[in-house]
Amino acid sequence: MRNVALRREGVEADALLTALEQVRPRLKLILASFRLSKEDAEDLLQDLVLVALQKLPEIENLTAWLRGTTVNLCLMGLRRKRSRAELRKIYDSPIPPVQEPVDACVDLKRALAVLPARHRQVVVLRAMEFSSEEITSRTGYCRSSIRRIRDRAVARMIGFLEGQGSSGVPNGYPKSARRPVPLRSR
């Protein structure tokens, strides 16, 4: 049936059939390496033939194109499956308990206390929704340094918050982290 449909397209379809026969063993190896189910492999090959028929006049090296496009279609299929699986995990996972705002504020103050003064200043100004230019003018730091300082500070704060034990202060952090540092407002 497939051969009949391809034969209607004329000489170009014959070239496609010949190329498919030449690369068939290689395509089988590619599909096997991606560990696709038989149904997925058939769907992928149908997509490959349809795309090839549409782009046949533009393709210079048909066998190389068929191999490369097969790999790309396999990768796209795997990405689709992975994203669906990740979405299922998100939707199937129980909703985490909501943290009280007071607790969150105390935790953030402790995390800020761990930061060097330079990092703390940039994080606080950014949290107050100052732009990079405004932070540059207030602190005197280079504009290019603001993002790097903020990213490092946030990473350190995340590490602090993730590493907190039952005492609320992670191992290896100074005792000053136990005292909340009041935030100055504008």
Protein backbone atom coordinates (compact mmCIF):
# COMPACT_ATOMS: atom_id res chain seq x y z
CA MET A 1 0.00 0.00 0.00
CA ARG A 2 2.79 2.40 0.93
CA ASN A 3 4.65 1.54 -2.25
CA VAL A 4 1.55 2.28 -4.34
CA ALA A 5 1.14 5.71 -2.75
CA LEU A 6 4.81 6.51 -3.31
CA ARG A 7 4.76 5.28 -6.91
CA ARG A 8 2.07 7.85 -7.74
CA GLU A 9 4.50 10.64 -6.96
CA GLY A 10 6.68 9.63 -9.90
CA VAL A 11 10.42 9.40 -10.35
CA GLU A 12 11.27 11.24 -7.13
CA ALA A 13 9.30 8.69 -5.15
CA ASP A 14 11.31 5.93 -6.85
CA ALA A 15 14.51 7.62 -5.71
CA LEU A 16 13.11 7.79 -2.18
CA LEU A 17 12.18 4.09 -2.21
CA THR A 18 15.64 3.16 -3.45
CA ALA A 19 17.31 5.30 -0.79
CA LEU A 20 15.08 3.82 1.91
CA GLU A 21 16.07 0.31 0.84
CA GLN A 22 19.75 1.28 0.92
CA VAL A 23 19.63 2.75 4.42
CA ARG A 24 17.13 0.27 5.88
CA PRO A 25 19.79 -1.62 7.94
CA ARG A 26 21.21 1.65 9.26
CA LEU A 27 17.73 2.96 10.13
CA LYS A 28 16.99 -0.26 12.02
CA LEU A 29 20.17 0.22 14.05
CA ILE A 30 19.27 3.83 14.79
CA LEU A 31 15.75 2.90 15.90
CA ALA A 32 17.09 0.02 18.00
CA SER A 33 19.62 2.30 19.70
CA PHE A 34 16.78 4.59 20.83
CA ARG A 35 14.84 1.58 22.17
CA LEU A 36 11.57 2.62 20.59
CA SER A 37 8.54 0.39 20.65
CA LYS A 38 7.50 -1.15 17.33
CA GLU A 39 4.50 1.19 17.07
CA ASP A 40 6.61 4.28 17.78
CA ALA A 41 9.19 3.19 15.23
CA GLU A 42 6.52 2.71 12.57
CA ASP A 43 5.03 6.14 13.34
CA LEU A 44 8.46 7.68 13.14
CA LEU A 45 9.18 6.07 9.77
CA GLN A 46 5.84 7.26 8.41
CA ASP A 47 6.70 10.79 9.52
CA LEU A 48 10.11 10.40 7.90
CA VAL A 49 8.60 9.37 4.56
CA LEU A 50 6.07 12.21 4.61
CA VAL A 51 8.71 14.83 5.37
CA ALA A 52 11.01 13.32 2.75
CA LEU A 53 8.29 13.50 0.09
CA GLN A 54 7.68 17.15 0.88
CA LYS A 55 11.35 18.12 0.87
CA LEU A 56 12.63 15.73 -1.78
CA PRO A 57 13.48 18.40 -4.38
CA GLU A 58 15.59 20.30 -1.80
CA ILE A 59 17.57 17.29 -0.51
CA GLU A 60 21.05 16.86 -1.97
CA ASN A 61 22.27 13.64 -0.29
CA LEU A 62 19.14 11.59 0.35
CA THR A 63 20.70 8.72 2.33
CA ALA A 64 22.53 11.07 4.70
CA TRP A 65 19.38 13.15 5.08
CA LEU A 66 17.32 10.05 5.92
CA ARG A 67 19.81 8.94 8.60
CA GLY A 68 20.10 12.42 10.13
CA THR A 69 16.39 13.09 10.09
CA THR A 70 15.69 9.71 11.68
CA VAL A 71 18.01 10.56 14.55
CA ASN A 72 16.42 13.99 14.94
CA LEU A 73 12.89 12.56 14.93
CA CYS A 74 13.92 9.98 17.55
CA LEU A 75 15.37 12.72 19.75
CA MET A 76 12.26 14.85 19.39
CA GLY A 77 10.09 11.86 20.33
CA LEU A 78 12.18 11.16 23.41
CA ARG A 79 11.98 14.81 24.47
CA ARG A 80 8.20 14.73 24.08
CA LYS A 81 7.97 11.57 26.18
CA ARG A 82 10.28 13.01 28.84
CA SER A 83 8.33 16.25 29.08
CA ARG A 84 5.06 14.32 29.34
CA ALA A 85 6.55 12.17 32.10
CA GLU A 86 7.78 15.25 33.95
CA LEU A 87 4.34 16.85 33.66
CA ARG A 88 2.75 13.68 35.01
CA LYS A 89 5.13 13.77 37.97
CA ILE A 90 4.20 17.37 38.67
CA TYR A 91 0.47 16.77 38.45
CA ASP A 92 0.55 13.46 40.31
CA SER A 93 2.76 14.65 43.16
CA PRO A 94 1.05 15.75 46.36
CA ILE A 95 0.92 19.45 47.05
CA PRO A 96 3.69 20.39 49.46
CA PRO A 97 2.67 21.99 52.75
CA VAL A 98 2.51 25.75 52.69
CA GLN A 99 5.18 27.45 54.76
CA GLU A 100 4.00 30.14 57.11
CA PRO A 101 5.06 33.63 55.95
CA VAL A 102 6.67 34.35 59.33
CA ASP A 103 8.83 31.21 59.07
CA ALA A 104 9.80 32.06 55.51
CA CYS A 105 10.81 35.57 56.57
CA VAL A 106 12.95 34.25 59.41
CA ASP A 107 14.60 31.72 57.08
CA LEU A 108 15.35 34.41 54.50
CA LYS A 109 16.83 36.70 57.13
CA ARG A 110 19.07 33.87 58.31
CA ALA A 111 20.14 33.14 54.75
CA LEU A 112 20.87 36.83 54.15
CA ALA A 113 22.99 36.93 57.30
CA VAL A 114 25.31 34.32 55.81
CA LEU A 115 26.07 36.47 52.78
CA PRO A 116 28.96 38.90 52.57
CA ALA A 117 27.86 42.55 52.86
CA ARG A 118 28.41 43.17 49.13
CA HIS A 119 26.17 40.26 48.12
CA ARG A 120 23.55 41.09 50.74
CA GLN A 121 23.35 44.69 49.50
CA VAL A 122 22.75 43.63 45.89
CA VAL A 123 20.15 41.01 46.85
CA VAL A 124 18.22 43.44 49.04
CA LEU A 125 18.21 46.16 46.39
CA ARG A 126 17.12 43.68 43.74
CA ALA A 127 14.35 42.40 46.03
CA MET A 128 13.19 45.99 46.38
CA GLU A 129 12.82 45.94 42.57
CA PHE A 130 15.66 48.29 41.72
CA SER A 131 16.98 47.91 38.18
CA SER A 132 20.59 46.98 37.46
CA GLU A 133 21.33 50.60 36.57
CA GLU A 134 19.89 51.86 39.86
CA ILE A 135 21.86 49.26 41.82
CA THR A 136 25.01 50.29 39.95
CA SER A 137 24.51 53.94 40.82
CA ARG A 138 23.73 53.19 44.50
CA THR A 139 26.54 50.69 45.10
CA GLY A 140 29.24 51.78 42.68
CA TYR A 141 29.69 48.22 41.38
CA CYS A 142 30.07 47.55 37.66
CA ARG A 143 26.81 46.85 35.87
CA SER A 144 28.26 43.59 34.55
CA SER A 145 29.02 42.46 38.11
CA ILE A 146 25.50 42.96 39.46
CA ARG A 147 24.02 39.82 37.87
CA ARG A 148 27.02 37.68 38.82
CA ILE A 149 26.90 38.90 42.44
CA ARG A 150 23.16 38.30 42.61
CA ASP A 151 23.44 34.80 41.11
CA ARG A 152 26.20 33.80 43.50
CA ALA A 153 24.31 35.21 46.47
CA VAL A 154 21.10 33.41 45.52
CA ALA A 155 23.00 30.14 45.04
CA ARG A 156 24.59 30.53 48.46
CA MET A 157 21.22 31.33 50.05
CA ILE A 158 19.64 28.28 48.41
CA GLY A 159 22.48 26.12 49.67
CA PHE A 160 21.97 27.56 53.14
CA LEU A 161 18.21 26.99 53.10
CA GLU A 162 18.50 23.46 51.73
CA GLY A 163 21.20 22.53 54.23
CA GLN A 164 19.40 23.63 57.39
CA GLY A 165 19.18 20.91 60.00
CA SER A 166 16.80 20.60 62.92
CA SER A 167 18.56 23.47 64.70
CA GLY A 168 17.79 25.79 61.80
CA VAL A 169 21.49 26.49 61.20
CA PRO A 170 23.41 24.28 58.80
CA ASN A 171 26.78 22.85 59.68
CA GLY A 172 29.73 24.97 58.64
CA TYR A 173 27.94 28.32 58.78
CA PRO A 174 28.79 31.03 61.29
CA LYS A 175 26.83 31.46 64.50
CA SER A 176 25.77 34.90 63.30
CA ALA A 177 23.40 33.06 60.96
CA ARG A 178 21.26 32.28 63.98
CA ARG A 179 20.47 35.94 64.57
CA PRO A 180 18.12 37.44 62.00
CA VAL A 181 19.45 40.56 60.39
CA PRO A 182 16.81 43.29 60.06
CA LEU A 183 16.27 44.51 56.52
CA ARG A 184 16.53 48.24 55.98
CA SER A 185 13.69 49.76 54.00
CA ARG A 186 14.08 52.60 51.53
